[in-house]
């Protein structure tokens, strides 16, 4: 288990609203060209700079689309 927080975006639930990207203070999340099963371009994790602030998790309107793990 890592001693750093980590974020996971569940691509098949993401609707590309971009709220998580805007509210991430470390630029951990970015828009992607990948299209999910719903037809939306997904958000992806770009780096491991997550600080565990939970902004992305709290702002996401899609239940279950983002998982945050804090050590």
Foldseek 3Di string as FASTA:
>chain_A
DDQAKDKFFQFQQAQPPCQLCVPQPVNQKDWAPDAHPVGHGGIGGDDRPDRQPCSSVVPDPGPPRMDMDHD
